[in-house]
Amino acid sequence: MEYARIVRSGRDMAEVERQNLLSALRHDTYRLEGSFAPTVCIKAFALGRPFRVIVTMRLCQACAESKGPLQLMLPLMKVIHYWARKRAGIDLPWQTSIGPGCSIQHGWGLVVNSRAQLGSNVTLYNGVTVGQRDRMNFDGERVTEYPIIEDEVWIGPHAIIVGGIRIGQGSRIAGGAFVTEDVPPYSIVGGNPARIMKSNCRPDVLHPAPIEGTDLERHPVIVQNIQSAPSRPTHHKS
């Protein structure tokens, strides 16, 4: 009886792990063409350099988090992910925390620190750097900080985001921007050093994956503004 219960528990856990992996991949696939179709995922994996890196990253994470036999596949998946990264010209460690619905456009030269945190429906272009920043405190101790990118953020080509900063939900980082300070939600920033160019902007998410809490059509701020000004929706700062 106890053995049977353990077996069922192991199967249930394996099913949860499989569903989590499939859910993330489905939302990543949706960002490509606005469809969950398996054929879209397979085609993009075979032909799309950036998407292949996302898939191998998800597979590595699924193996690492698994409590079952799938964990034994981690060394092999690390090798495959390394190969995919090199082929794509993308430095995206498999340990990086990235929410579902990730979209990488072009991808060449993209660098993301493994300790950075990226939310859902984030868009990354070629040449983007999301990295750490080291600083020395008054005691001479080195402090290393990493960025947090919230949901629905759009980051343009060759933008640099470094340090322990937070990029607010729905914001857009213009190409070539150098960002070292927090960015409020729904802002457009650009320049070196970066400055706020526009506030209360609408998120720019092509084919947003319908994730609860991040779906643009259900976003409370957007719904409120659409109802109050249907001809020209605006946003209020969070």
Protein backbone atom coordinates (compact mmCIF):
# COMPACT_ATOMS: atom_id res chain seq x y z
CA MET A 1 0.00 0.00 0.00
CA GLU A 2 2.76 2.45 0.97
CA TYR A 3 4.78 1.52 -2.12
CA ALA A 4 1.78 2.14 -4.36
CA ARG A 5 1.22 5.54 -2.75
CA ILE A 6 4.86 6.53 -3.35
CA VAL A 7 4.63 5.43 -6.98
CA ARG A 8 1.45 7.45 -7.51
CA SER A 9 3.05 10.47 -5.83
CA GLY A 10 6.08 10.20 -8.11
CA ARG A 11 3.87 9.98 -11.18
CA ASP A 12 1.82 12.98 -10.07
CA MET A 13 4.99 15.03 -9.55
CA ALA A 14 6.30 14.03 -12.97
CA GLU A 15 3.01 15.08 -14.54
CA VAL A 16 3.16 18.48 -12.82
CA GLU A 17 6.72 19.00 -14.09
CA ARG A 18 5.67 18.06 -17.60
CA GLN A 19 2.69 20.42 -17.51
CA ASN A 20 4.85 23.31 -16.24
CA LEU A 21 7.35 22.78 -19.06
CA LEU A 22 4.61 22.51 -21.69
CA SER A 23 2.88 25.63 -20.36
CA ALA A 24 6.04 27.73 -20.61
CA LEU A 25 6.81 26.44 -24.09
CA ARG A 26 3.24 27.02 -25.27
CA HIS A 27 3.38 30.65 -24.17
CA ASP A 28 6.82 31.13 -25.75
CA THR A 29 5.41 29.64 -28.97
CA TYR A 30 2.39 31.94 -28.85
CA ARG A 31 4.67 34.98 -29.02
CA LEU A 32 5.86 33.85 -32.47
CA GLU A 33 2.63 33.96 -34.45
CA GLY A 34 -0.19 34.28 -31.93
CA SER A 35 -0.83 30.53 -31.95
CA PHE A 36 -0.23 27.57 -29.64
CA ALA A 37 0.02 25.17 -32.60
CA PRO A 38 2.70 22.47 -32.10
CA THR A 39 3.70 22.84 -35.74
CA VAL A 40 4.71 26.46 -35.05
CA CYS A 41 6.92 25.34 -32.15
CA ILE A 42 8.55 22.55 -34.15
CA LYS A 43 9.21 24.79 -37.16
CA ALA A 44 10.66 27.55 -34.98
CA PHE A 45 12.89 25.10 -33.11
CA ALA A 46 14.23 23.69 -36.37
CA LEU A 47 14.73 26.99 -38.19
CA GLY A 48 14.78 29.74 -35.58
CA ARG A 49 18.10 30.37 -33.84
CA PRO A 50 16.72 32.52 -30.98
CA PHE A 51 13.70 30.32 -30.27
CA ARG A 52 15.89 27.21 -30.14
CA VAL A 53 17.84 28.80 -27.27
CA ILE A 54 14.62 29.46 -25.35
CA VAL A 55 13.49 25.85 -25.79
CA THR A 56 16.80 24.32 -24.66
CA MET A 57 16.83 26.70 -21.66
CA ARG A 58 13.36 25.52 -20.65
CA LEU A 59 14.40 21.88 -21.05
CA CYS A 60 17.50 22.39 -18.88
CA GLN A 61 15.39 24.00 -16.17
CA ALA A 62 12.83 21.20 -16.32
CA CYS A 63 15.59 18.62 -15.90
CA ALA A 64 17.21 20.52 -13.02
CA GLU A 65 13.90 20.90 -11.16
CA SER A 66 12.83 17.32 -11.75
CA LYS A 67 12.80 14.86 -8.85
CA GLY A 68 12.59 11.90 -11.19
CA PRO A 69 14.52 10.26 -14.02
CA LEU A 70 14.38 13.45 -16.11
CA GLN A 71 17.09 14.88 -13.86
CA LEU A 72 19.56 12.43 -15.39
CA MET A 73 19.14 14.20 -18.72
CA LEU A 74 20.49 17.51 -17.37
CA PRO A 75 24.16 17.02 -18.44
CA LEU A 76 23.07 16.22 -21.99
CA MET A 77 20.66 19.14 -22.10
CA LYS A 78 23.39 21.50 -20.89
CA VAL A 79 25.54 20.45 -23.85
CA ILE A 80 22.65 20.94 -26.27
CA HIS A 81 21.86 24.35 -24.77
CA TYR A 82 25.53 25.37 -25.04
CA TRP A 83 25.51 24.36 -28.70
CA ALA A 84 22.27 26.27 -29.34
CA ARG A 85 23.69 29.40 -27.70
CA LYS A 86 26.86 29.29 -29.77
CA ARG A 87 24.93 28.76 -32.98
CA ALA A 88 22.64 31.67 -32.18
CA GLY A 89 25.29 34.09 -30.89
CA ILE A 90 23.30 34.47 -27.68
CA ASP A 91 24.68 34.36 -24.13
CA LEU A 92 21.64 33.16 -22.18
CA PRO A 93 22.58 30.80 -19.32
CA TRP A 94 20.10 28.03 -18.66
CA GLN A 95 19.78 29.09 -14.99
CA THR A 96 18.29 32.48 -15.91
CA SER A 97 14.83 33.14 -14.45
CA ILE A 98 12.57 34.12 -17.35
CA GLY A 99 8.78 34.06 -17.25
CA PRO A 100 6.65 32.45 -19.97
CA GLY A 101 6.05 34.25 -23.23
CA CYS A 102 9.66 35.23 -23.86
CA SER A 103 10.42 36.65 -27.32
CA ILE A 104 13.95 37.11 -28.70
CA GLN A 105 14.15 39.09 -31.94
CA HIS A 106 17.24 38.46 -34.09
CA GLY A 107 19.26 37.73 -30.97
CA TRP A 108 22.81 38.25 -32.19
CA GLY A 109 24.96 39.58 -29.34
CA LEU A 110 22.27 39.24 -26.66
CA VAL A 111 23.77 38.85 -23.17
CA VAL A 112 21.70 38.10 -20.06
CA ASN A 113 23.26 37.48 -16.66
CA SER A 114 22.21 34.21 -15.07
CA ARG A 115 21.07 36.04 -11.91
CA ALA A 116 18.92 38.62 -13.66
CA GLN A 117 15.16 38.12 -13.37
CA LEU A 118 12.86 38.60 -16.32
CA GLY A 119 9.07 38.53 -16.18
CA SER A 120 6.44 37.29 -18.62
CA ASN A 121 5.87 38.54 -22.18
CA VAL A 122 9.26 40.23 -22.27
CA THR A 123 10.76 41.13 -25.67
CA LEU A 124 14.54 41.23 -26.19
CA TYR A 125 16.32 42.44 -29.32
CA ASN A 126 19.81 41.86 -30.67
CA GLY A 127 22.76 43.32 -28.79
CA VAL A 128 20.86 43.78 -25.53
CA THR A 129 22.83 43.42 -22.30
CA VAL A 130 21.07 42.68 -19.00
CA GLY A 131 23.96 42.44 -16.60
CA GLN A 132 25.40 42.88 -13.17
CA ARG A 133 27.00 45.96 -11.67
CA ASP A 134 29.67 45.88 -8.98
CA ARG A 135 30.12 48.70 -6.50
CA MET A 136 32.25 49.20 -3.40
CA ASN A 137 30.54 50.14 -0.13
CA PHE A 138 32.04 52.28 2.62
CA ASP A 139 33.73 49.25 4.19
CA GLY A 140 35.50 48.42 0.96
CA GLU A 141 33.29 45.39 0.38
CA ARG A 142 32.28 44.58 -3.17
CA VAL A 143 28.53 44.48 -3.72
CA THR A 144 27.14 42.86 -6.87
CA GLU A 145 23.61 43.67 -8.04
CA TYR A 146 21.39 42.33 -10.80
CA PRO A 147 18.41 43.81 -12.69
CA ILE A 148 14.77 42.80 -12.43
CA ILE A 149 12.72 43.14 -15.61
CA GLU A 150 8.99 43.11 -14.97
CA ASP A 151 6.24 41.78 -17.25
CA GLU A 152 5.56 43.13 -20.76
CA VAL A 153 8.81 45.07 -21.03
CA TRP A 154 10.22 45.79 -24.52
CA ILE A 155 14.00 46.21 -24.79
CA GLY A 156 15.35 47.58 -28.06
CA PRO A 157 18.58 46.74 -29.91
CA HIS A 158 21.87 47.32 -28.08
CA ALA A 159 20.23 48.65 -24.91
CA ILE A 160 22.27 48.11 -21.74
CA ILE A 161 20.58 47.51 -18.38
CA VAL A 162 22.88 46.94 -15.41
CA GLY A 163 22.78 46.88 -11.62
CA GLY A 164 20.19 46.26 -8.95
CA ILE A 165 17.45 48.18 -10.71
CA ARG A 166 13.86 47.41 -11.61
CA ILE A 167 12.34 48.04 -15.02
CA GLY A 168 8.64 48.60 -14.40
CA GLN A 169 5.88 46.65 -16.10
CA GLY A 170 4.96 47.63 -19.64
CA SER A 171 7.94 49.92 -20.13
CA ARG A 172 9.94 50.31 -23.33
CA ILE A 173 13.72 50.70 -23.39
CA ALA A 174 14.84 52.44 -26.58
CA GLY A 175 17.65 51.04 -28.66
CA GLY A 176 21.09 52.03 -27.42
CA ALA A 177 19.85 53.22 -24.03
CA PHE A 178 22.16 52.87 -21.03
CA VAL A 179 19.97 52.24 -17.98
CA THR A 180 21.37 52.27 -14.43
CA GLU A 181 18.35 53.61 -12.51
CA ASP A 182 14.85 52.28 -11.82
CA VAL A 183 12.29 52.81 -14.55
CA PRO A 184 8.65 53.42 -13.51
CA PRO A 185 5.96 51.21 -15.05
CA TYR A 186 4.62 52.21 -18.48
CA SER A 187 7.53 54.50 -19.34
CA ILE A 188 9.63 54.98 -22.45
CA VAL A 189 13.30 55.65 -21.72
CA GLY A 190 16.24 56.34 -24.00
CA GLY A 191 19.65 57.93 -24.20
CA ASN A 192 22.99 57.60 -22.43
CA PRO A 193 22.47 58.00 -19.56
CA ALA A 194 18.86 56.95 -19.96
CA ARG A 195 16.08 59.39 -19.16
CA ILE A 196 12.31 59.13 -19.24
CA MET A 197 11.05 60.30 -22.61
CA LYS A 198 7.38 59.50 -22.10
CA SER A 199 5.17 58.30 -19.27
CA ASN A 200 1.85 56.42 -19.29
CA CYS A 201 2.72 54.52 -22.46
CA ARG A 202 0.98 51.40 -23.69
CA PRO A 203 3.04 48.17 -23.52
CA ASP A 204 4.47 47.02 -26.85
CA VAL A 205 3.97 43.24 -26.91
CA LEU A 206 3.55 41.54 -30.27
CA HIS A 207 1.31 38.46 -29.93
CA PRO A 208 1.05 38.69 -26.11
CA ALA A 209 0.72 35.26 -24.56
CA PRO A 210 -2.56 35.10 -22.60
CA ILE A 211 -0.99 34.65 -19.18
CA GLU A 212 -3.15 35.43 -16.17
CA GLY A 213 -2.17 38.79 -14.72
CA THR A 214 -0.19 39.86 -17.79
CA ASP A 215 -2.68 39.49 -20.63
CA LEU A 216 -2.90 42.96 -22.19
CA GLU A 217 -6.61 42.64 -22.81
CA ARG A 218 -7.22 41.91 -19.12
CA HIS A 219 -4.70 44.31 -17.65
CA PRO A 220 -6.62 46.35 -15.02
CA VAL A 221 -4.93 49.63 -15.96
CA ILE A 222 -5.65 49.18 -19.66
CA VAL A 223 -9.23 48.01 -19.10
CA GLN A 224 -9.91 51.02 -16.89
CA ASN A 225 -8.49 53.43 -19.46
CA ILE A 226 -10.27 51.82 -22.40
CA GLN A 227 -13.56 52.17 -20.56
CA SER A 228 -12.93 55.81 -19.66
CA ALA A 229 -11.44 56.87 -23.00
CA PRO A 230 -12.09 54.33 -25.71
CA SER A 231 -10.77 56.50 -28.53
CA ARG A 232 -7.36 57.04 -26.94
CA PRO A 233 -6.51 54.81 -23.98
CA THR A 234 -4.04 56.16 -21.47
CA HIS A 235 -2.38 54.70 -18.38
CA HIS A 236 -1.94 55.78 -14.82
CA LYS A 237 1.27 55.17 -12.98
CA SER A 238 1.27 52.24 -10.64
